[in-house]
């Protein structure tokens, strides 16, 4: 933990907001079309986001010292690694809804916006709860530990087999909007005139659909983004306490998560292309969840019983980066049964 409270220094807060907003606008401008994002382009943009994050870490190093920069980098790296499992779930959601490649980055954009908002809310709630006492850290540790156990029990289950037709987000959207079952461009909502124009096309002559005048219809893209948002919201229940385990400072926690989340849109396409080669990354995620649970439990028990055992920010950073590297190396050395991918 930091020897003194960092708070929200004006200069650091302004730099964080300006850098994050400018980088996000650049990304939006570069990906405003509906063309699929290839592996090369996604890799370059992922590197861009990593460099932006490292630049902010450098700013923290020169203005607040080595420990603050280490805490930020640890939280950032931890959020990136833990997000891998969430991105795999999103791949399964896209596959189930049959979302074309060119529209996926638009859904991911809104997913990122939702993640930024909800993580901000959770960070405020989480860091505020810690003020109630060290037992809150123990509760967070149990939540993370249970998540790791559930992931370990799930093993290599194929998420693509999940049925999202009865998902809570799907049912929620259907309560407010009738659904037109086909995509109409990149629209989330369409009116009756747009549907009638679509039904008049030659390729839809054999498709029957009752259109009501003056009614707005949801498309599969809106159903998909609703499922993505709820799935990410559930993921945040685990990832926010995990990053809070690194630091109680709201600015460090939120900035680390923010920069990690901003880079997830392009990282998705890298993971999608390399998924079959990175089959052991999920084991790295599970190990890190156990590690974070242990770190939280040590912090909590030290406050309660003063045993003096804790894991430093620098040691945490080495563990996160080391486990990620081991997951990648293990995936390359032990790729598994290639026939299973066919």
Protein backbone atom coordinates (compact mmCIF):
# COMPACT_ATOMS: atom_id res chain seq x y z
CA UNK A 1 0.00 0.00 0.00
CA UNK A 2 1.04 3.59 -0.46
CA UNK A 3 2.56 5.26 2.56
CA UNK A 4 0.42 8.33 1.95
CA UNK A 5 -2.88 8.84 0.17
CA UNK A 6 -2.43 9.85 -3.45
CA UNK A 7 -5.89 11.41 -3.72
CA UNK A 8 -6.78 13.11 -7.00
CA UNK A 9 -3.95 15.56 -7.81
CA UNK A 10 -5.24 18.01 -10.41
CA UNK A 11 -2.36 17.73 -12.87
CA UNK A 12 -2.37 13.92 -12.84
CA UNK A 13 -6.15 13.74 -13.18
CA UNK A 14 -6.15 16.18 -16.11
CA UNK A 15 -3.32 14.32 -17.88
CA UNK A 16 -5.14 11.02 -17.41
CA UNK A 17 -8.42 12.35 -18.84
CA UNK A 18 -6.79 14.19 -21.76
CA UNK A 19 -4.59 11.24 -22.79
CA UNK A 20 -7.45 8.71 -22.51
CA UNK A 21 -9.98 10.85 -24.40
CA UNK A 22 -7.53 11.82 -27.18
CA UNK A 23 -6.41 8.23 -27.69
CA UNK A 24 -10.05 7.03 -27.76
CA UNK A 25 -10.98 9.68 -30.36
CA UNK A 26 -8.02 8.64 -32.52
CA UNK A 27 -9.14 5.02 -32.30
CA UNK A 28 -12.76 5.88 -33.16
CA UNK A 29 -11.69 7.99 -36.16
CA UNK A 30 -9.41 5.23 -37.46
CA UNK A 31 -12.13 2.55 -37.17
CA UNK A 32 -15.20 4.52 -38.28
CA UNK A 33 -15.85 2.23 -41.27
CA UNK A 34 -17.37 -1.25 -41.12
CA UNK A 35 -14.38 -3.02 -42.65
CA UNK A 36 -13.10 -6.11 -40.80
CA UNK A 37 -9.96 -5.50 -38.72
CA UNK A 38 -7.12 -7.83 -39.71
CA UNK A 39 -4.49 -9.33 -37.42
CA UNK A 40 -1.75 -6.91 -38.55
CA UNK A 41 -3.87 -3.81 -37.99
CA UNK A 42 -5.20 -5.11 -34.65
CA UNK A 43 -1.65 -5.90 -33.51
CA UNK A 44 -0.44 -2.40 -34.37
CA UNK A 45 -3.35 -0.80 -32.52
CA UNK A 46 -2.85 -3.07 -29.52
CA UNK A 47 0.78 -1.95 -29.43
CA UNK A 48 -0.43 1.67 -29.68
CA UNK A 49 -2.61 1.24 -26.57
CA UNK A 50 0.22 -0.44 -24.67
CA UNK A 51 2.54 2.48 -25.52
CA UNK A 52 -0.11 4.99 -24.39
CA UNK A 53 -0.43 3.13 -21.09
CA UNK A 54 3.34 2.94 -20.62
CA UNK A 55 3.56 6.68 -21.33
CA UNK A 56 1.09 7.38 -18.53
CA UNK A 57 3.07 5.03 -16.28
CA UNK A 58 6.17 7.08 -17.10
CA UNK A 59 4.32 10.25 -16.13
CA UNK A 60 3.36 8.67 -12.80
CA UNK A 61 6.96 7.58 -12.24
CA UNK A 62 8.38 11.09 -12.63
CA UNK A 63 5.58 12.84 -10.72
CA UNK A 64 4.70 10.35 -7.96
CA UNK A 65 7.57 7.89 -7.76
CA UNK A 66 8.43 4.30 -8.54
CA UNK A 67 5.84 2.69 -6.24
CA UNK A 68 2.88 4.52 -7.76
CA UNK A 69 4.05 3.64 -11.28
CA UNK A 70 4.49 -0.02 -10.22
CA UNK A 71 0.99 -0.13 -8.75
CA UNK A 72 -0.47 1.30 -11.96
CA UNK A 73 1.42 -1.16 -14.18
CA UNK A 74 0.44 -4.10 -11.96
CA UNK A 75 -3.24 -3.13 -12.06
CA UNK A 76 -3.06 -2.53 -15.81
CA UNK A 77 -1.37 -5.86 -16.55
CA UNK A 78 -3.73 -7.73 -14.21
CA UNK A 79 -6.83 -6.24 -15.86
CA UNK A 80 -5.46 -7.11 -19.31
CA UNK A 81 -4.80 -10.72 -18.35
CA UNK A 82 -8.13 -11.18 -16.56
CA UNK A 83 -9.93 -9.67 -19.57
CA UNK A 84 -8.74 -12.53 -21.77
CA UNK A 85 -11.44 -14.85 -20.45
CA UNK A 86 -14.08 -12.16 -20.97
CA UNK A 87 -12.96 -11.67 -24.58
CA UNK A 88 -13.28 -15.40 -25.20
CA UNK A 89 -16.89 -15.20 -23.94
CA UNK A 90 -17.54 -12.28 -26.31
CA UNK A 91 -16.21 -14.40 -29.19
CA UNK A 92 -18.81 -17.03 -28.32
CA UNK A 93 -21.55 -14.36 -28.18
CA UNK A 94 -20.59 -13.02 -31.62
CA UNK A 95 -20.57 -16.56 -33.03
CA UNK A 96 -24.03 -17.34 -31.60
CA UNK A 97 -25.57 -14.11 -32.97
CA UNK A 98 -23.70 -14.58 -36.29
CA UNK A 99 -22.34 -11.01 -36.21
CA UNK A 100 -20.32 -10.21 -39.37
CA UNK A 101 -16.65 -9.31 -38.82
CA UNK A 102 -17.15 -5.75 -40.05
CA UNK A 103 -19.74 -4.96 -37.35
CA UNK A 104 -17.92 -6.48 -34.40
CA UNK A 105 -15.69 -3.50 -33.64
CA UNK A 106 -18.80 -1.26 -33.45
CA UNK A 107 -20.38 -3.51 -30.81
CA UNK A 108 -17.04 -3.66 -28.99
CA UNK A 109 -16.91 0.16 -29.03
CA UNK A 110 -20.20 0.39 -27.12
CA UNK A 111 -19.03 -2.46 -24.90
CA UNK A 112 -15.93 -0.42 -24.02
CA UNK A 113 -18.04 2.66 -23.23
CA UNK A 114 -20.23 0.58 -20.93
CA UNK A 115 -17.16 -0.94 -19.27
CA UNK A 116 -15.70 2.53 -18.63
CA UNK A 117 -18.91 3.71 -16.94
CA UNK A 118 -19.62 0.59 -14.87
CA UNK A 119 -16.02 0.13 -13.75
CA UNK A 120 -15.99 3.74 -12.57
CA UNK A 121 -19.08 3.03 -10.46
CA UNK A 122 -17.65 -0.23 -9.12
CA UNK A 123 -14.29 1.35 -8.27
CA UNK A 124 -16.04 4.05 -6.22
CA UNK A 125 -18.17 1.45 -4.42
CA UNK A 126 -15.30 -0.99 -3.93
CA UNK A 127 -12.77 1.51 -2.57
CA UNK A 128 -15.48 3.01 -0.33
CA UNK A 129 -16.34 -0.42 1.10
CA UNK A 130 -12.71 -0.98 2.07
CA UNK A 131 -13.04 1.93 4.49
CA UNK A 132 -15.47 -0.21 6.51
CA UNK A 133 -12.66 -2.45 7.70
CA UNK A 134 -10.14 -5.17 6.71
CA UNK A 135 -12.86 -7.85 6.71
CA UNK A 136 -14.11 -6.38 3.39
CA UNK A 137 -10.83 -7.44 1.77
CA UNK A 138 -11.46 -10.96 3.04
CA UNK A 139 -14.92 -10.91 1.42
CA UNK A 140 -13.35 -9.77 -1.87
CA UNK A 141 -10.77 -12.57 -1.54
CA UNK A 142 -13.54 -15.17 -1.15
CA UNK A 143 -15.39 -13.81 -4.22
CA UNK A 144 -12.26 -14.00 -6.37
CA UNK A 145 -11.34 -17.43 -4.99
CA UNK A 146 -14.80 -18.77 -5.82
CA UNK A 147 -14.53 -17.39 -9.36
CA UNK A 148 -11.18 -19.16 -9.83
CA UNK A 149 -12.67 -22.44 -8.58
CA UNK A 150 -15.64 -22.13 -10.96
CA UNK A 151 -13.30 -21.46 -13.90
CA UNK A 152 -11.15 -24.43 -12.94
CA UNK A 153 -14.18 -26.71 -12.73
CA UNK A 154 -15.43 -25.49 -16.12
CA UNK A 155 -12.22 -26.78 -17.69
CA UNK A 156 -12.22 -26.73 -21.49
CA UNK A 157 -15.99 -26.38 -21.99
CA UNK A 158 -16.79 -24.74 -25.30
CA UNK A 159 -18.48 -21.38 -24.72
CA UNK A 160 -19.72 -21.42 -28.32
CA UNK A 161 -22.26 -24.07 -27.27
CA UNK A 162 -24.00 -21.65 -24.89
CA UNK A 163 -27.55 -20.66 -25.80
CA UNK A 164 -28.09 -16.89 -25.48
CA UNK A 165 -31.75 -16.94 -26.59
CA UNK A 166 -32.89 -17.00 -22.95
CA UNK A 167 -30.15 -14.71 -21.62
CA UNK A 168 -31.43 -12.05 -19.21
CA UNK A 169 -30.23 -9.24 -21.52
CA UNK A 170 -31.97 -10.83 -24.51
CA UNK A 171 -35.23 -11.10 -22.57
CA UNK A 172 -34.90 -7.53 -21.28
CA UNK A 173 -34.57 -6.05 -24.78
CA UNK A 174 -37.55 -8.09 -26.00
CA UNK A 175 -39.70 -6.63 -23.23
CA UNK A 176 -39.26 -3.14 -24.71
CA UNK A 177 -38.88 -3.80 -28.44
CA UNK A 178 -40.19 -6.34 -30.92
CA UNK A 179 -37.32 -7.98 -32.77
CA UNK A 180 -36.69 -8.14 -36.50
CA UNK A 181 -34.62 -11.35 -36.86
CA UNK A 182 -32.29 -10.15 -39.65
CA UNK A 183 -29.50 -7.58 -39.75
CA UNK A 184 -30.21 -4.31 -41.54
CA UNK A 185 -26.78 -2.79 -42.01
CA UNK A 186 -25.18 -1.74 -38.72
CA UNK A 187 -28.46 -0.52 -37.19
CA UNK A 188 -29.39 -1.46 -33.62
CA UNK A 189 -32.95 -0.14 -34.02
CA UNK A 190 -35.01 0.15 -37.21
CA UNK A 191 -38.45 1.56 -38.01
CA UNK A 192 -41.26 -0.05 -39.98
CA UNK A 193 -40.32 1.80 -43.20
CA UNK A 194 -36.78 0.40 -43.09
CA UNK A 195 -38.09 -3.12 -42.60
CA UNK A 196 -40.58 -2.77 -45.46
CA UNK A 197 -37.77 -1.56 -47.72
CA UNK A 198 -35.68 -4.55 -46.65
CA UNK A 199 -38.52 -7.01 -47.27
CA UNK A 200 -39.00 -5.57 -50.77
CA UNK A 201 -35.50 -6.71 -51.77
CA UNK A 202 -35.26 -9.72 -54.07
CA UNK A 203 -33.32 -11.87 -51.60
CA UNK A 204 -36.10 -11.46 -49.00
CA UNK A 205 -39.05 -12.36 -51.24
CA UNK A 206 -39.48 -15.74 -49.50
CA UNK A 207 -39.15 -14.26 -46.01
CA UNK A 208 -42.41 -13.58 -44.17
CA UNK A 209 -42.57 -10.97 -41.38
CA UNK A 210 -45.55 -9.02 -40.01
CA UNK A 211 -44.69 -5.30 -39.87
CA UNK A 212 -46.60 -2.90 -37.61
CA UNK A 213 -46.71 0.77 -38.61
CA UNK A 214 -45.03 3.29 -36.34
CA UNK A 215 -43.15 0.64 -34.33
CA UNK A 216 -39.40 0.54 -33.76
CA UNK A 217 -37.78 -2.88 -33.94
CA UNK A 218 -34.60 -4.18 -32.37
CA UNK A 219 -32.14 -6.01 -34.60
CA UNK A 220 -29.87 -8.93 -33.60
CA UNK A 221 -27.08 -6.36 -33.14
CA UNK A 222 -28.96 -4.71 -30.25
CA UNK A 223 -29.60 -8.11 -28.66
CA UNK A 224 -25.92 -8.92 -29.06
CA UNK A 225 -24.66 -5.69 -27.50
CA UNK A 226 -27.07 -6.13 -24.57
CA UNK A 227 -25.68 -9.61 -23.88
CA UNK A 228 -22.11 -8.30 -24.20
CA UNK A 229 -22.80 -5.47 -21.74
CA UNK A 230 -24.37 -7.75 -19.12
CA UNK A 231 -21.57 -10.29 -19.52
CA UNK A 232 -18.97 -7.56 -19.00
CA UNK A 233 -20.91 -6.26 -16.00
CA UNK A 234 -20.71 -9.70 -14.39
CA UNK A 235 -17.01 -9.89 -15.22
CA UNK A 236 -16.44 -6.54 -13.48
CA UNK A 237 -17.62 -8.07 -10.19
CA UNK A 238 -14.42 -10.14 -10.25
CA UNK A 239 -11.95 -7.86 -11.99
CA UNK A 240 -12.59 -4.72 -9.92
CA UNK A 241 -11.86 -6.41 -6.55
CA UNK A 242 -8.80 -8.03 -8.17
CA UNK A 243 -7.32 -4.67 -9.20
CA UNK A 244 -8.34 -3.11 -5.87
CA UNK A 245 -6.15 -5.82 -4.31
CA UNK A 246 -3.21 -4.03 -5.93
CA UNK A 247 -4.06 -0.57 -4.56
CA UNK A 248 -6.81 1.19 -2.65
CA UNK A 249 -6.17 4.45 -4.49
CA UNK A 250 -9.23 5.11 -6.74
CA UNK A 251 -7.19 7.08 -9.31
CA UNK A 252 -4.62 4.31 -9.71
CA UNK A 253 -7.28 1.57 -9.83
CA UNK A 254 -9.52 3.37 -12.32
CA UNK A 255 -6.73 4.64 -14.58
CA UNK A 256 -5.20 1.15 -14.72
CA UNK A 257 -8.54 -0.42 -15.61
CA UNK A 258 -9.44 2.39 -18.01
CA UNK A 259 -6.30 2.07 -20.13
CA UNK A 260 -6.65 -1.72 -20.14
CA UNK A 261 -10.31 -1.52 -21.21
CA UNK A 262 -9.58 1.03 -23.95
CA UNK A 263 -7.20 -1.43 -25.59
CA UNK A 264 -9.57 -4.40 -25.43
CA UNK A 265 -11.36 -3.58 -28.67
CA UNK A 266 -8.29 -4.20 -30.82
CA UNK A 267 -6.93 -6.92 -28.54
CA UNK A 268 -10.13 -8.87 -29.25
CA UNK A 269 -9.17 -9.27 -32.91
CA UNK A 270 -5.64 -10.37 -31.97
CA UNK A 271 -6.99 -13.03 -29.62
CA UNK A 272 -9.62 -14.10 -32.14
CA UNK A 273 -6.93 -14.75 -34.74
CA UNK A 274 -4.58 -16.48 -32.29
CA UNK A 275 -7.10 -18.23 -30.07
CA UNK A 276 -6.29 -21.75 -31.21
CA UNK A 277 -2.60 -21.10 -30.49
CA UNK A 278 -3.18 -19.68 -26.97
CA UNK A 279 -5.12 -22.52 -25.37
CA UNK A 280 -3.23 -22.31 -22.05
CA UNK A 281 -3.87 -18.62 -21.38
CA UNK A 282 -7.00 -19.41 -19.39
CA UNK A 283 -4.85 -21.40 -16.95
CA UNK A 284 -2.82 -18.22 -16.43
CA UNK A 285 -6.03 -16.33 -15.64
CA UNK A 286 -7.08 -18.97 -13.09
CA UNK A 287 -3.66 -18.93 -11.41
CA UNK A 288 -3.70 -15.14 -11.16
CA UNK A 289 -7.16 -15.20 -9.58
CA UNK A 290 -5.80 -17.53 -6.88
CA UNK A 291 -2.79 -15.23 -6.47
CA UNK A 292 -4.96 -12.13 -6.11
CA UNK A 293 -7.23 -13.90 -3.59
CA UNK A 294 -4.14 -14.82 -1.55
CA UNK A 295 -2.83 -11.23 -1.74
CA UNK A 296 -6.15 -9.85 -0.51
CA UNK A 297 -6.31 -12.42 2.29
CA UNK A 298 -2.75 -11.55 3.38
CA UNK A 299 -3.55 -7.82 3.41
CA UNK A 300 -6.72 -8.40 5.40
CA UNK A 301 -5.16 -10.79 7.94
CA UNK A 302 -2.17 -8.46 8.39
CA UNK A 303 -4.53 -5.64 9.37
CA UNK A 304 -6.38 -7.98 11.75
CA UNK A 305 -3.51 -9.90 13.34
CA UNK A 306 -0.36 -7.93 12.32
CA UNK A 307 1.65 -10.92 11.13
CA UNK A 308 3.75 -8.71 8.84
CA UNK A 309 3.41 -10.81 5.69
CA UNK A 310 2.44 -9.04 2.46
CA UNK A 311 3.21 -8.99 -1.24
CA UNK A 312 4.82 -5.80 -2.56
CA UNK A 313 3.67 -3.90 -5.65
CA UNK A 314 6.85 -4.79 -7.54
CA UNK A 315 6.56 -8.48 -6.65
CA UNK A 316 2.92 -8.46 -7.80
CA UNK A 317 3.96 -6.93 -11.13
CA UNK A 318 6.60 -9.63 -11.65
CA UNK A 319 4.08 -12.37 -10.84
CA UNK A 320 1.44 -11.02 -13.25
CA UNK A 321 3.90 -10.56 -16.12
CA UNK A 322 5.62 -13.88 -15.38
CA UNK A 323 2.39 -15.87 -15.32
CA UNK A 324 1.24 -14.24 -18.56
CA UNK A 325 4.57 -15.08 -20.22
CA UNK A 326 4.38 -18.69 -18.97
CA UNK A 327 0.86 -19.03 -20.38
CA UNK A 328 2.01 -17.85 -23.80
CA UNK A 329 5.15 -20.01 -23.81
CA UNK A 330 3.20 -23.08 -22.65
CA UNK A 331 0.67 -22.50 -25.43
CA UNK A 332 3.45 -22.41 -28.02
CA UNK A 333 5.30 -25.44 -26.64
CA UNK A 334 2.21 -27.57 -25.89
CA UNK A 335 -0.43 -26.59 -28.48
CA UNK A 336 -2.65 -29.58 -27.68
CA UNK A 337 -4.59 -31.76 -30.11
CA UNK A 338 -4.81 -29.90 -33.43
CA UNK A 339 -7.54 -32.29 -34.60
CA UNK A 340 -9.82 -30.86 -31.93
CA UNK A 341 -9.75 -27.52 -33.67
CA UNK A 342 -11.03 -28.88 -36.95
